[in-house]
Amino acid sequence: AVADDSGQTEGFSQCVTHCSFPQWWHQAFYNFFTFSCLFIIPLLIMLICNAKIIFTLTRVLHQDPH
């Protein structure tokens, strides 16, 4: 992007949601859904899987004391 004499940049675009949703709760739901899919659900999956791995390892190690 190149700035002109007024300091404005040509060809600048930004991904925003101004006036993209008809109601405020649509955007709130979209934000919550996106946050859940990108952060909360993967975090829960990783926590559950790691907890199962640790539980299995400790159980196996207590059964076979080699």
C-alpha atoms as a PDB file:
ATOM      1  CA  ALA A   1       0.000   0.000   0.000  1.00  0.00           C
ATOM      2  CA  VAL A   2       1.258   3.436  -0.903  1.00  0.00           C
ATOM      3  CA  ALA A   3       0.396   6.589   1.060  1.00  0.00           C
ATOM      4  CA  ASP A   4      -0.672   9.691  -0.847  1.00  0.00           C
ATOM      5  CA  ASP A   5      -0.067  13.340   0.165  1.00  0.00           C
ATOM      6  CA  SER A   6      -2.952  13.312   2.657  1.00  0.00           C
ATOM      7  CA  GLY A   7      -1.557  10.287   4.480  1.00  0.00           C
ATOM      8  CA  GLN A   8      -4.289   7.963   3.220  1.00  0.00           C
ATOM      9  CA  THR A   9      -3.185   4.597   1.926  1.00  0.00           C
ATOM     10  CA  GLU A  10      -4.354   3.340  -1.423  1.00  0.00           C
ATOM     11  CA  GLY A  11      -5.537  -0.227  -1.712  1.00  0.00           C
ATOM     12  CA  PHE A  12      -5.945  -0.702   2.029  1.00  0.00           C
ATOM     13  CA  SER A  13      -8.750  -2.993   3.068  1.00  0.00           C
ATOM     14  CA  GLN A  14      -9.662  -4.458   6.418  1.00  0.00           C
ATOM     15  CA  CYS A  15     -12.002  -7.290   7.326  1.00  0.00           C
ATOM     16  CA  VAL A  16     -14.639  -5.777   9.624  1.00  0.00           C
ATOM     17  CA  THR A  17     -18.274  -6.546  10.391  1.00  0.00           C
ATOM     18  CA  HIS A  18     -19.747  -3.021  10.544  1.00  0.00           C
ATOM     19  CA  CYS A  19     -23.463  -3.294   9.671  1.00  0.00           C
ATOM     20  CA  SER A  20     -23.044  -6.910   8.567  1.00  0.00           C
ATOM     21  CA  PHE A  21     -25.601  -8.302  11.012  1.00  0.00           C
ATOM     22  CA  PRO A  22     -29.254  -7.196  11.205  1.00  0.00           C
ATOM     23  CA  GLN A  23     -29.456  -7.511  15.018  1.00  0.00           C
ATOM     24  CA  TRP A  24     -26.838  -7.069  17.771  1.00  0.00           C
ATOM     25  CA  TRP A  25     -27.399 -10.608  19.028  1.00  0.00           C
ATOM     26  CA  HIS A  26     -26.530 -12.066  15.610  1.00  0.00           C
ATOM     27  CA  GLN A  27     -23.026 -10.661  15.930  1.00  0.00           C
ATOM     28  CA  ALA A  28     -22.819 -11.746  19.574  1.00  0.00           C
ATOM     29  CA  PHE A  29     -23.838 -15.279  18.590  1.00  0.00           C
ATOM     30  CA  TYR A  30     -21.350 -15.266  15.685  1.00  0.00           C
ATOM     31  CA  ASN A  31     -18.544 -14.111  17.997  1.00  0.00           C
ATOM     32  CA  PHE A  32     -19.397 -16.733  20.628  1.00  0.00           C
ATOM     33  CA  PHE A  33     -19.701 -19.503  18.020  1.00  0.00           C
ATOM     34  CA  THR A  34     -16.391 -18.572  16.394  1.00  0.00           C
ATOM     35  CA  PHE A  35     -14.612 -18.315  19.762  1.00  0.00           C
ATOM     36  CA  SER A  36     -16.044 -21.679  20.804  1.00  0.00           C
ATOM     37  CA  CYS A  37     -15.042 -23.449  17.594  1.00  0.00           C
ATOM     38  CA  LEU A  38     -11.564 -21.947  17.447  1.00  0.00           C
ATOM     39  CA  PHE A  39     -10.631 -22.015  21.150  1.00  0.00           C
ATOM     40  CA  ILE A  40     -12.981 -23.646  23.660  1.00  0.00           C
ATOM     41  CA  ILE A  41     -13.788 -26.895  21.803  1.00  0.00           C
ATOM     42  CA  PRO A  42     -10.152 -27.637  20.820  1.00  0.00           C
ATOM     43  CA  LEU A  43      -9.040 -26.804  24.366  1.00  0.00           C
ATOM     44  CA  LEU A  44     -11.583 -29.217  25.852  1.00  0.00           C
ATOM     45  CA  ILE A  45     -10.583 -31.952  23.400  1.00  0.00           C
ATOM     46  CA  MET A  46      -6.896 -31.528  24.276  1.00  0.00           C
ATOM     47  CA  LEU A  47      -7.603 -31.498  28.017  1.00  0.00           C
ATOM     48  CA  ILE A  48      -9.757 -34.633  27.850  1.00  0.00           C
ATOM     49  CA  CYS A  49      -7.266 -36.510  25.658  1.00  0.00           C
ATOM     50  CA  ASN A  50      -4.302 -35.559  27.838  1.00  0.00           C
ATOM     51  CA  ALA A  51      -6.186 -36.491  31.000  1.00  0.00           C
ATOM     52  CA  LYS A  52      -6.983 -39.925  29.512  1.00  0.00           C
ATOM     53  CA  ILE A  53      -3.345 -40.402  28.517  1.00  0.00           C
ATOM     54  CA  ILE A  54      -2.091 -39.492  31.987  1.00  0.00           C
ATOM     55  CA  PHE A  55      -4.729 -41.681  33.652  1.00  0.00           C
ATOM     56  CA  THR A  56      -3.813 -44.646  31.424  1.00  0.00           C
ATOM     57  CA  LEU A  57      -0.079 -44.199  31.990  1.00  0.00           C
ATOM     58  CA  THR A  58      -0.406 -43.992  35.762  1.00  0.00           C
ATOM     59  CA  ARG A  59      -2.701 -47.040  35.825  1.00  0.00           C
ATOM     60  CA  VAL A  60      -0.292 -49.100  33.686  1.00  0.00           C
ATOM     61  CA  LEU A  61       2.736 -48.015  35.708  1.00  0.00           C
ATOM     62  CA  HIS A  62       1.052 -49.003  38.976  1.00  0.00           C
ATOM     63  CA  GLN A  63       0.126 -52.449  37.592  1.00  0.00           C
ATOM     64  CA  ASP A  64       3.557 -53.305  36.147  1.00  0.00           C
ATOM     65  CA  PRO A  65       6.359 -52.095  38.479  1.00  0.00           C
ATOM     66  CA  HIS A  66       9.342 -52.848  36.191  1.00  0.00           C
END
